[in-house]
Amino acid sequence: MAIAGIIVVGFFLLLLLMGVRILNEYERGVIFRLGRIADSKPPGFRWIIPFVDRMVKVSLRTVVMDVPPQDVITKDNVSVKVNAVLYFRVMDEKRAILEVENYLYATSQLAQTTLRSVLGESELDELLSHREKINMSLATILDQHTDPWGIKVSNVEVKHVDLPQEMVRAMAKQAEAERERRGKVIAADGEFQASTKLNEASDILSKNPMALQLRYLQTLAEVATENSSTIVFPLPLDLVKPLLGKSGS
């Protein structure tokens, strides 16, 4: 009898140990009792009925998922390869288990198809220069489709756009031509401003002959200080005539 009692006690202790579950702070446990959903357990020490209950753990942390590179044909018929990263988390653990077989796989497949669909409606220039707008559009569409699964998509980021080599060369030529155009415009604008200032200066000097003489003397002084050179300084004829008249008498 003693041996039978020990066996019974050991059996119940084994059942107690088999029903012990530990849930981390970021986890929730969905309990299925005889195939039907019974409850959702919060984190901590939990016990379920062995052979009757089954617990499925669901993590509520944000999942960072890489979307594999997708071959996309843009609206302007350019073939590119684009990959992205997806941020989402489970908001309702019961729906995440009941509404879809594998919410991680389902979200990944949905992200791939949505990425091809949205980028296929965008032109290449928009994809390269308005990426934030495309990211918001992707996140909105994915969040609408995953909401019945109890999943919240917080952000989608397009990481890399792989362009064909001929398109890269064409864009490089376009950028170079644009830089040359800007350089020519800046040079022409500088010449226009310089000619305008010179025209204004010539008008001022033509109205005041003494100002022209002073500017002439200032230029000679600047040349003399820079290099040791001989400068021929022409005198005005009005200053020489009185001297010539006196020498003749």
Protein backbone atom coordinates (compact mmCIF):
# COMPACT_ATOMS: atom_id res chain seq x y z
CA MET A 1 0.00 0.00 0.00
CA ALA A 2 2.83 2.38 0.84
CA ILE A 3 4.39 1.82 -2.56
CA ALA A 4 1.05 2.46 -4.28
CA GLY A 5 0.61 5.69 -2.31
CA ILE A 6 4.07 6.87 -3.29
CA ILE A 7 3.31 6.11 -6.93
CA VAL A 8 0.04 8.05 -6.78
CA VAL A 9 1.70 11.01 -5.08
CA GLY A 10 4.53 10.93 -7.61
CA PHE A 11 2.04 10.83 -10.44
CA PHE A 12 0.21 13.92 -9.17
CA LEU A 13 3.51 15.74 -8.62
CA LEU A 14 4.48 14.90 -12.18
CA LEU A 15 1.16 16.28 -13.43
CA LEU A 16 1.72 19.48 -11.46
CA LEU A 17 5.19 19.91 -12.93
CA MET A 18 3.95 19.17 -16.46
CA GLY A 19 1.44 22.02 -16.18
CA VAL A 20 3.94 24.67 -15.09
CA ARG A 21 4.57 27.48 -17.60
CA ILE A 22 6.67 30.64 -17.27
CA LEU A 23 5.79 33.66 -19.41
CA ASN A 24 8.24 36.51 -19.88
CA GLU A 25 7.20 40.14 -19.55
CA TYR A 26 6.94 40.57 -23.33
CA GLU A 27 4.93 37.34 -23.85
CA ARG A 28 1.30 36.37 -23.64
CA GLY A 29 -0.03 32.80 -23.48
CA VAL A 30 -3.11 31.79 -25.47
CA ILE A 31 -4.78 28.79 -23.82
CA PHE A 32 -6.60 26.15 -25.87
CA ARG A 33 -8.76 23.78 -23.80
CA LEU A 34 -9.78 20.66 -25.65
CA GLY A 35 -9.27 22.49 -28.93
CA ARG A 36 -11.26 25.59 -28.01
CA ILE A 37 -9.69 28.90 -27.00
CA ALA A 38 -10.16 29.47 -23.29
CA ASP A 39 -8.14 32.45 -22.13
CA SER A 40 -5.08 34.60 -22.59
CA LYS A 41 -2.54 34.49 -19.77
CA PRO A 42 -0.43 37.49 -18.67
CA PRO A 43 3.31 37.15 -17.91
CA GLY A 44 4.59 35.33 -14.83
CA PHE A 45 4.14 31.87 -13.30
CA ARG A 46 1.22 30.04 -14.84
CA TRP A 47 -0.23 26.53 -14.57
CA ILE A 48 -2.32 24.68 -17.15
CA ILE A 49 -4.13 21.38 -16.98
CA PRO A 50 -1.86 18.72 -18.52
CA PHE A 51 -3.28 16.80 -21.51
CA VAL A 52 -6.29 19.15 -21.49
CA ASP A 53 -4.84 22.60 -22.02
CA ARG A 54 -2.32 23.73 -24.61
CA MET A 55 -0.52 27.08 -24.39
CA VAL A 56 0.72 29.02 -27.40
CA LYS A 57 3.20 31.78 -26.54
CA VAL A 58 3.00 35.03 -28.50
CA SER A 59 5.65 37.74 -28.33
CA LEU A 60 4.42 41.33 -28.16
CA ARG A 61 7.77 42.88 -29.00
CA THR A 62 8.27 44.83 -32.23
CA VAL A 63 9.38 42.51 -35.01
CA VAL A 64 11.97 43.80 -37.51
CA MET A 65 11.53 41.87 -40.75
CA ASP A 66 13.63 42.15 -43.90
CA VAL A 67 11.62 42.12 -47.12
CA PRO A 68 13.70 40.24 -49.74
CA PRO A 69 14.70 42.12 -52.93
CA GLN A 70 11.79 42.34 -55.36
CA ASP A 71 11.97 42.81 -59.13
CA VAL A 72 9.78 45.82 -59.88
CA ILE A 73 8.88 47.54 -63.16
CA THR A 74 8.13 51.19 -62.44
CA LYS A 75 5.40 53.25 -64.06
CA ASP A 76 7.89 54.63 -66.60
CA ASN A 77 9.00 51.06 -67.57
CA VAL A 78 12.30 50.92 -65.69
CA SER A 79 13.24 47.55 -64.19
CA VAL A 80 14.68 47.89 -60.67
CA LYS A 81 15.31 45.62 -57.71
CA VAL A 82 14.10 46.96 -54.37
CA ASN A 83 14.27 45.65 -50.82
CA ALA A 84 12.77 47.05 -47.62
CA VAL A 85 12.49 46.56 -43.87
CA LEU A 86 9.19 46.17 -42.01
CA TYR A 87 8.42 47.03 -38.36
CA PHE A 88 5.31 45.56 -36.75
CA ARG A 89 4.03 44.08 -33.50
CA VAL A 90 1.17 41.91 -32.26
CA MET A 91 -1.57 43.93 -30.57
CA ASP A 92 -4.13 41.13 -30.08
CA GLU A 93 -2.57 37.73 -29.41
CA LYS A 94 -5.85 35.85 -29.79
CA ARG A 95 -6.54 37.12 -33.31
CA ALA A 96 -2.90 36.62 -34.30
CA ILE A 97 -3.31 32.91 -33.53
CA LEU A 98 -6.90 32.36 -34.67
CA GLU A 99 -7.20 34.52 -37.81
CA VAL A 100 -4.05 33.39 -39.64
CA GLU A 101 -2.02 30.19 -39.59
CA ASN A 102 1.43 31.84 -39.32
CA TYR A 103 1.27 35.60 -38.87
CA LEU A 104 5.02 36.06 -39.43
CA TYR A 105 4.99 34.27 -42.78
CA ALA A 106 1.71 35.89 -43.81
CA THR A 107 2.99 39.39 -43.02
CA SER A 108 6.20 38.73 -44.96
CA GLN A 109 4.31 37.57 -48.07
CA LEU A 110 1.89 40.47 -47.85
CA ALA A 111 4.80 42.94 -47.58
CA GLN A 112 6.43 41.52 -50.72
CA THR A 113 3.30 41.72 -52.85
CA THR A 114 2.43 45.21 -51.56
CA LEU A 115 5.96 46.44 -52.26
CA ARG A 116 5.74 45.30 -55.90
CA SER A 117 2.25 46.76 -56.29
CA VAL A 118 2.96 50.22 -54.84
CA LEU A 119 6.32 50.70 -56.54
CA GLY A 120 4.87 49.56 -59.85
CA GLU A 121 2.55 52.57 -59.72
CA SER A 122 5.42 55.03 -59.10
CA GLU A 123 7.93 56.53 -61.50
CA LEU A 124 11.66 56.13 -61.00
CA ASP A 125 12.22 59.79 -60.07
CA GLU A 126 9.50 59.56 -57.44
CA LEU A 127 11.01 56.37 -56.05
CA LEU A 128 14.42 58.02 -55.68
CA SER A 129 13.41 61.49 -54.48
CA HIS A 130 10.09 60.95 -52.63
CA ARG A 131 10.90 57.81 -50.67
CA GLU A 132 9.24 59.06 -47.49
CA LYS A 133 5.90 59.34 -49.27
CA ILE A 134 6.24 55.79 -50.61
CA ASN A 135 7.15 54.48 -47.14
CA MET A 136 4.01 56.04 -45.65
CA SER A 137 1.85 54.57 -48.42
CA LEU A 138 3.31 51.09 -47.87
CA ALA A 139 2.81 51.29 -44.10
CA THR A 140 -0.82 52.42 -44.47
CA ILE A 141 -1.74 49.65 -46.91
CA LEU A 142 -0.03 46.92 -44.87
CA ASP A 143 -1.61 48.12 -41.62
CA GLN A 144 -5.08 47.97 -43.17
CA HIS A 145 -4.54 44.38 -44.34
CA THR A 146 -2.96 43.10 -41.12
CA ASP A 147 -5.45 44.76 -38.75
CA PRO A 148 -7.86 41.75 -38.86
CA TRP A 149 -4.94 39.62 -37.65
CA GLY A 150 -4.38 41.82 -34.61
CA ILE A 151 -1.09 43.16 -35.99
CA LYS A 152 -0.03 46.81 -36.09
CA VAL A 153 2.44 47.87 -38.80
CA SER A 154 4.31 50.88 -37.42
CA ASN A 155 6.79 51.61 -40.20
CA VAL A 156 8.11 50.48 -43.58
CA GLU A 157 11.44 51.67 -44.98
CA VAL A 158 12.67 51.13 -48.53
CA LYS A 159 16.36 50.33 -48.00
CA HIS A 160 18.03 49.95 -51.36
CA VAL A 161 17.11 50.54 -55.00
CA ASP A 162 19.32 48.58 -57.40
CA LEU A 163 19.33 50.26 -60.82
CA PRO A 164 20.54 48.73 -64.12
CA GLN A 165 24.04 49.82 -65.19
CA GLU A 166 22.81 51.63 -68.30
CA MET A 167 20.38 53.62 -66.16
CA VAL A 168 23.18 54.52 -63.72
CA ARG A 169 25.33 55.80 -66.59
CA ALA A 170 22.43 57.79 -68.03
CA MET A 171 21.71 59.40 -64.66
CA ALA A 172 25.40 60.23 -64.22
CA LYS A 173 25.45 61.97 -67.62
CA GLN A 174 22.29 63.84 -66.74
CA ALA A 175 23.76 65.00 -63.43
CA GLU A 176 26.97 66.11 -65.16
CA ALA A 177 25.02 68.06 -67.78
CA GLU A 178 22.98 69.69 -65.02
CA ARG A 179 26.17 70.77 -63.20
CA GLU A 180 27.59 72.23 -66.42
CA ARG A 181 24.36 74.10 -67.05
CA ARG A 182 24.40 75.60 -63.56
CA GLY A 183 28.06 76.58 -63.96
CA LYS A 184 27.36 78.37 -67.23
CA VAL A 185 24.35 80.14 -65.76
CA ILE A 186 26.38 81.30 -62.76
CA ALA A 187 29.24 82.50 -65.02
CA ALA A 188 26.84 84.36 -67.31
CA ASP A 189 25.13 85.93 -64.32
CA GLY A 190 28.54 87.06 -63.00
CA GLU A 191 29.47 88.60 -66.36
CA PHE A 192 26.14 90.40 -66.50
CA GLN A 193 26.58 91.85 -63.03
CA ALA A 194 30.20 92.87 -63.78
CA SER A 195 29.22 94.58 -67.04
CA THR A 196 26.40 96.39 -65.26
CA LYS A 197 28.77 97.70 -62.58
CA LEU A 198 31.37 98.70 -65.20
CA ASN A 199 28.71 100.57 -67.16
CA GLU A 200 27.67 102.44 -64.03
CA ALA A 201 31.31 103.23 -63.22
CA SER A 202 31.99 104.53 -66.75
CA ASP A 203 28.97 106.83 -66.53
CA ILE A 204 30.25 108.28 -63.26
CA LEU A 205 33.80 108.76 -64.55
CA SER A 206 32.61 110.35 -67.80
CA LYS A 207 30.73 113.00 -65.84
CA ASN A 208 33.77 113.87 -63.68
CA PRO A 209 37.15 114.02 -65.53
CA MET A 210 39.07 114.56 -62.27
CA ALA A 211 37.73 111.30 -60.93
CA LEU A 212 39.13 109.57 -64.01
CA GLN A 213 42.56 111.13 -63.39
CA LEU A 214 42.51 110.04 -59.75
CA ARG A 215 41.59 106.53 -60.74
CA TYR A 216 44.42 106.56 -63.27
CA LEU A 217 46.94 107.63 -60.61
CA GLN A 218 45.64 104.98 -58.20
CA THR A 219 46.13 102.30 -60.83
CA LEU A 220 49.73 103.44 -61.44
CA ALA A 221 50.44 103.30 -57.71
CA GLU A 222 49.12 99.74 -57.49
CA VAL A 223 51.24 98.63 -60.45
CA ALA A 224 54.39 100.25 -59.01
CA THR A 225 54.05 98.47 -55.65
CA GLU A 226 53.59 95.00 -57.14
CA ASN A 227 56.66 94.75 -59.45
CA SER A 228 59.84 96.76 -60.03
CA SER A 229 59.19 98.13 -63.49
CA THR A 230 59.58 101.29 -65.52
CA ILE A 231 56.37 103.22 -65.98
CA VAL A 232 55.95 105.77 -68.74
CA PHE A 233 53.67 108.46 -67.36
CA PRO A 234 52.13 110.67 -70.10
CA LEU A 235 51.59 114.26 -69.07
CA PRO A 236 48.54 116.15 -70.23
CA LEU A 237 49.30 118.59 -73.07
CA ASP A 238 47.72 121.47 -71.13
CA LEU A 239 50.46 121.21 -68.51
CA VAL A 240 53.33 121.12 -71.05
CA LYS A 241 52.29 124.10 -73.21
CA PRO A 242 53.18 126.81 -70.65
CA LEU A 243 56.68 125.36 -70.25
CA LEU A 244 57.24 125.25 -74.00
CA GLY A 245 56.17 128.87 -74.36
CA LYS A 246 58.66 130.13 -71.75
CA SER A 247 61.61 128.23 -73.26
CA GLY A 248 60.92 129.74 -76.70
CA SER A 249 61.09 133.33 -75.42
